[in-house]
Each structure stands twice: as C-alpha cells, then as structure tokens.
N, C-alpha and C. Protein backbone atom coordinates (compact mmCIF):
# COMPACT_ATOMS: atom_id res chain seq x y z
N MET A 1 6.88 -13.62 -12.83
CA MET A 1 5.97 -14.41 -11.86
C MET A 1 7.21 -14.78 -10.39
N ASN A 2 8.70 -14.88 -10.74
CA ASN A 2 9.44 -14.66 -10.10
C ASN A 2 9.50 -13.91 -8.98
N GLU A 3 9.17 -12.52 -9.21
CA GLU A 3 9.31 -11.03 -8.51
C GLU A 3 8.16 -10.90 -7.71
N LEU A 4 6.54 -12.19 -8.26
CA LEU A 4 5.76 -11.90 -7.09
C LEU A 4 5.86 -13.09 -6.63
N LYS A 5 6.85 -14.07 -6.54
CA LYS A 5 7.04 -14.74 -5.33
C LYS A 5 7.86 -13.96 -4.31
N THR A 6 8.82 -13.62 -4.75
CA THR A 6 10.30 -12.91 -3.79
C THR A 6 9.31 -11.57 -2.94
N LEU A 7 8.27 -10.74 -3.44
CA LEU A 7 7.45 -9.80 -2.59
C LEU A 7 6.64 -11.04 -1.56
N GLU A 8 5.82 -11.91 -2.69
CA GLU A 8 5.67 -12.65 -0.70
C GLU A 8 6.21 -13.19 0.72
N SER A 9 7.48 -13.30 -0.23
CA SER A 9 8.13 -14.05 0.98
C SER A 9 8.66 -13.07 1.70
N LEU A 10 8.46 -11.29 1.44
CA LEU A 10 8.93 -10.71 2.04
C LEU A 10 7.76 -10.26 3.05
N GLY A 11 6.69 -10.53 2.66
CA GLY A 11 5.65 -10.35 3.61
C GLY A 11 5.07 -9.39 2.48
N LEU A 12 4.65 -9.25 1.36
CA LEU A 12 3.73 -8.57 0.68
C LEU A 12 2.96 -9.21 -0.60
N SER A 13 1.30 -8.90 -0.21
CA SER A 13 0.98 -9.64 -1.19
C SER A 13 -0.06 -8.68 -1.84
N LEU A 14 -0.42 -9.12 -3.07
CA LEU A 14 -1.63 -8.50 -4.20
C LEU A 14 -2.91 -7.82 -3.04
N PRO A 15 -3.72 -6.87 -3.23
CA PRO A 15 -4.74 -6.81 -2.48
C PRO A 15 -6.15 -7.50 -3.49
N SER A 16 -6.84 -8.36 -2.88
CA SER A 16 -7.96 -9.10 -3.32
C SER A 16 -9.04 -8.01 -4.13
N PRO A 17 -9.78 -8.77 -5.41
CA PRO A 17 -10.93 -7.97 -6.29
C PRO A 17 -11.66 -7.47 -5.60
N LEU A 18 -11.98 -7.87 -4.08
CA LEU A 18 -13.45 -7.11 -3.22
C LEU A 18 -12.62 -5.43 -2.66
N TYR A 19 -11.53 -6.07 -2.43
CA TYR A 19 -10.04 -5.16 -1.53
C TYR A 19 -10.40 -4.17 -2.88
N ILE A 20 -9.97 -3.75 -4.14
CA ILE A 20 -10.06 -3.19 -4.91
C ILE A 20 -11.05 -2.05 -5.37
N LEU A 21 -12.60 -3.12 -5.33
CA LEU A 21 -13.17 -2.91 -5.70
C LEU A 21 -14.19 -1.60 -4.40
N GLY A 22 -13.60 -2.31 -3.41
CA GLY A 22 -14.30 -1.21 -2.41
C GLY A 22 -13.65 0.02 -2.06
N ALA A 23 -12.22 -0.19 -1.99
CA ALA A 23 -11.43 1.37 -2.47
C ALA A 23 -12.05 1.98 -3.30
N LEU A 24 -12.05 1.48 -4.79
CA LEU A 24 -12.84 2.43 -5.92
C LEU A 24 -13.87 3.03 -5.37
N VAL A 25 -14.85 2.43 -4.79
CA VAL A 25 -16.37 2.66 -4.19
C VAL A 25 -16.37 3.26 -3.13
N PHE A 26 -15.61 3.82 -2.59
CA PHE A 26 -15.49 4.20 -1.44
C PHE A 26 -15.01 5.87 -1.48
N GLY A 27 -13.27 5.53 -2.00
CA GLY A 27 -12.92 6.37 -3.17
C GLY A 27 -13.99 7.49 -3.79
N ILE A 28 -14.67 7.25 -4.77
CA ILE A 28 -15.92 7.76 -5.42
C ILE A 28 -16.41 8.20 -4.69
N VAL A 29 -17.32 7.79 -3.49
CA VAL A 29 -18.16 8.32 -2.63
C VAL A 29 -17.43 9.73 -2.09
N GLY A 30 -16.29 9.07 -1.73
CA GLY A 30 -15.37 10.30 -0.78
C GLY A 30 -15.41 11.83 -1.98
N TYR A 31 -15.08 11.35 -3.00
CA TYR A 31 -14.92 12.26 -3.81
C TYR A 31 -16.20 13.31 -4.02
N ALA A 32 -17.04 12.21 -4.05
CA ALA A 32 -18.22 12.99 -4.45
C ALA A 32 -18.88 14.06 -2.81
N ALA A 33 -18.59 13.79 -1.88
CA ALA A 33 -18.38 14.03 -0.57
C ALA A 33 -18.00 15.26 -0.44
N TYR A 34 -16.70 15.56 -0.60
CA TYR A 34 -15.88 16.27 -0.78
C TYR A 34 -16.40 17.52 -1.72
N ARG A 35 -16.91 17.13 -2.79
CA ARG A 35 -17.05 17.89 -3.65
C ARG A 35 -18.04 19.18 -3.63
N TYR A 36 -19.07 18.65 -2.35
CA TYR A 36 -20.50 18.39 -1.98
C TYR A 36 -20.24 19.41 -0.93
N GLY A 37 -19.21 19.40 -0.16
CA GLY A 37 -18.74 20.16 1.17
C GLY A 37 -18.15 21.34 0.61
N LYS A 38 -17.62 21.28 -0.47
CA LYS A 38 -16.26 22.40 -0.70
C LYS A 38 -17.70 23.60 -0.95
N LYS A 39 -18.16 23.07 -1.93
CA LYS A 39 -19.02 23.40 -3.12
C LYS A 39 -20.23 24.34 -1.96
N ALA A 40 -20.79 24.07 -0.68
CA ALA A 40 -21.73 23.99 0.05
C ALA A 40 -21.14 24.71 1.11
N SER A 41 -19.77 24.56 1.35
CA SER A 41 -19.21 25.39 2.68
C SER A 41 -19.53 24.68 3.88
N LEU A 42 -19.37 23.45 3.66
CA LEU A 42 -19.95 22.63 4.76
C LEU A 42 -18.33 21.58 5.43
N ALA A 43 -18.25 21.75 6.57
CA ALA A 43 -16.83 21.36 6.53
C ALA A 43 -16.72 19.90 7.16
N ILE A 44 -18.19 19.50 7.90
CA ILE A 44 -18.30 17.99 8.15
C ILE A 44 -18.62 16.99 6.67
N PRO A 45 -18.83 17.37 6.04
CA PRO A 45 -19.29 16.75 4.28
C PRO A 45 -17.56 16.33 3.93
N LYS A 46 -17.07 17.66 3.91
CA LYS A 46 -15.68 17.70 3.02
C LYS A 46 -14.93 16.98 3.72
N TRP A 47 -14.88 17.37 5.29
CA TRP A 47 -13.91 16.14 5.91
C TRP A 47 -13.73 14.67 5.92
N ILE A 48 -15.60 14.52 6.30
CA ILE A 48 -16.04 12.80 5.82
C ILE A 48 -15.15 12.21 4.71
N GLY A 49 -15.43 13.12 3.45
CA GLY A 49 -14.79 12.91 1.82
C GLY A 49 -13.29 12.41 2.14
N VAL A 50 -13.13 13.25 3.20
CA VAL A 50 -11.34 13.13 2.58
C VAL A 50 -11.01 11.75 3.44
N ALA A 51 -11.62 11.72 4.36
CA ALA A 51 -11.20 10.62 5.31
C ALA A 51 -11.85 9.17 4.33
N LEU A 52 -12.99 9.28 3.72
CA LEU A 52 -13.34 7.96 2.83
C LEU A 52 -12.08 7.48 1.88
N MET A 53 -11.60 9.34 1.06
CA MET A 53 -10.62 8.94 0.30
C MET A 53 -9.17 8.59 0.57
N LEU A 54 -9.06 8.95 2.00
CA LEU A 54 -7.85 8.66 2.14
C LEU A 54 -7.46 7.20 3.18
N TYR A 55 -8.29 6.53 3.37
CA TYR A 55 -8.77 6.39 5.18
C TYR A 55 -7.87 3.90 4.04
N PRO A 56 -8.43 4.06 2.97
CA PRO A 56 -7.71 2.58 2.37
C PRO A 56 -6.87 2.33 2.20
N TYR A 57 -5.39 3.71 2.21
CA TYR A 57 -4.16 3.55 2.71
C TYR A 57 -3.72 3.00 3.96
N ALA A 58 -4.26 3.11 4.82
CA ALA A 58 -3.90 2.88 5.70
C ALA A 58 -4.47 1.43 6.53
N ILE A 59 -5.47 0.74 5.54
CA ILE A 59 -6.16 -0.48 6.34
C ILE A 59 -5.93 -1.30 4.78
N SER A 60 -5.66 -2.47 5.84
CA SER A 60 -5.14 -4.18 4.93
C SER A 60 -6.32 -4.92 4.85
N THR A 61 -6.75 -5.13 5.71
CA THR A 61 -7.86 -5.68 5.51
C THR A 61 -9.02 -5.54 4.86
N THR A 62 -9.58 -6.62 4.56
CA THR A 62 -10.46 -6.19 3.28
C THR A 62 -12.46 -5.80 4.33
N TRP A 63 -12.55 -6.77 5.36
CA TRP A 63 -13.49 -6.80 5.97
C TRP A 63 -13.41 -5.10 7.06
N LEU A 64 -12.07 -5.01 7.19
CA LEU A 64 -12.00 -3.66 8.13
C LEU A 64 -12.43 -2.49 6.72
N LEU A 65 -12.11 -3.18 5.91
CA LEU A 65 -12.17 -1.65 4.93
C LEU A 65 -13.44 -0.99 4.64
N TYR A 66 -14.68 -2.18 4.45
CA TYR A 66 -15.93 -2.62 4.28
C TYR A 66 -16.74 -1.98 5.47
N ALA A 67 -15.88 -1.84 7.09
CA ALA A 67 -16.92 -1.70 8.08
C ALA A 67 -16.35 -0.44 8.24
N VAL A 68 -15.19 0.12 7.79
CA VAL A 68 -15.17 1.75 8.17
C VAL A 68 -15.57 2.58 7.01
N GLY A 69 -15.52 2.02 6.23
CA GLY A 69 -15.99 2.79 4.74
C GLY A 69 -17.52 2.97 5.18
N SER A 70 -18.35 2.03 5.68
CA SER A 70 -19.97 1.74 5.77
C SER A 70 -19.96 3.06 7.31
N GLY A 71 -19.52 2.85 7.70
CA GLY A 71 -19.69 3.63 9.39
C GLY A 71 -19.57 5.32 8.24
N LEU A 72 -18.42 5.40 8.07
CA LEU A 72 -17.89 6.92 7.28
C LEU A 72 -19.13 7.01 6.36
N CYS A 73 -19.55 6.53 5.58
CA CYS A 73 -20.81 6.71 4.91
C CYS A 73 -22.13 6.83 5.77
N LEU A 74 -22.09 5.99 6.76
CA LEU A 74 -23.13 6.20 7.50
C LEU A 74 -23.48 7.78 8.06
N GLY A 75 -22.06 7.83 8.71
CA GLY A 75 -21.91 9.60 9.25
C GLY A 75 -22.27 10.17 8.56
N LEU A 76 -21.64 10.22 7.05
CA LEU A 76 -22.27 11.04 6.09
C LEU A 76 -23.84 11.52 5.66
N TYR A 77 -24.48 10.03 6.18
CA TYR A 77 -25.95 10.31 5.42
C TYR A 77 -26.77 10.47 6.70
N LEU A 78 -26.38 10.46 7.89
CA LEU A 78 -27.17 10.59 9.22
C LEU A 78 -26.65 12.76 9.29
N TYR A 79 -25.72 12.72 8.89
CA TYR A 79 -25.15 14.43 9.18
C TYR A 79 -26.51 15.42 7.53
N ARG A 80 -26.38 14.38 6.66
CA ARG A 80 -27.66 14.70 5.78
C ARG A 80 -29.12 15.23 6.75
N GLN A 81 -29.28 14.45 6.65
CA GLN A 81 -30.80 13.77 7.41
C GLN A 81 -30.84 14.97 8.35
N GLY A 82 -29.54 15.68 9.38
CA GLY A 82 -29.82 15.78 10.54
C GLY A 82 -30.10 17.77 10.18
C-alpha cells in the first residue's frame, strides 16, 4: 500500500475499471479489423485496426478513450458500408 501512495505522489495513478474495459474492447475490435484487412489485402481496415490497438497507450482519460475509439470504429463501419 505504501508503494501506491509513493506512485500517487509522483503523479501516477491506476486506470479506472472503465478505462481498462474500453482499452480491452477496442483492442479486440482492432485485432479483428487488422486480421480482416490483412486477409482481404485491404489497407484501410488494417491500419484502422492498428490504430485501435495502439491508441490507448497514448490517451490517459477515459472519456477521450471512448471518443477516439468510437470514432475509429465508426470509420471502420463506414468503410465497410462503402
């Protein structure tokens, strides 16, 4: 418990359960999009999948995680419809 207080004093904190859930869900969707794009030789779904898998490492707020992830999933969905 002392280590947690030390990390918090340095400005580091553990992510919320909703953040972890969102990162996991968007990572799974990204992996599926990447596999689909690679198998079908389509660049756009493949790179959207890579973005979905990697962007949670660059974003630290939960609402922004869900906003960017939803936008990327929407882009993937719109590409599929076109």
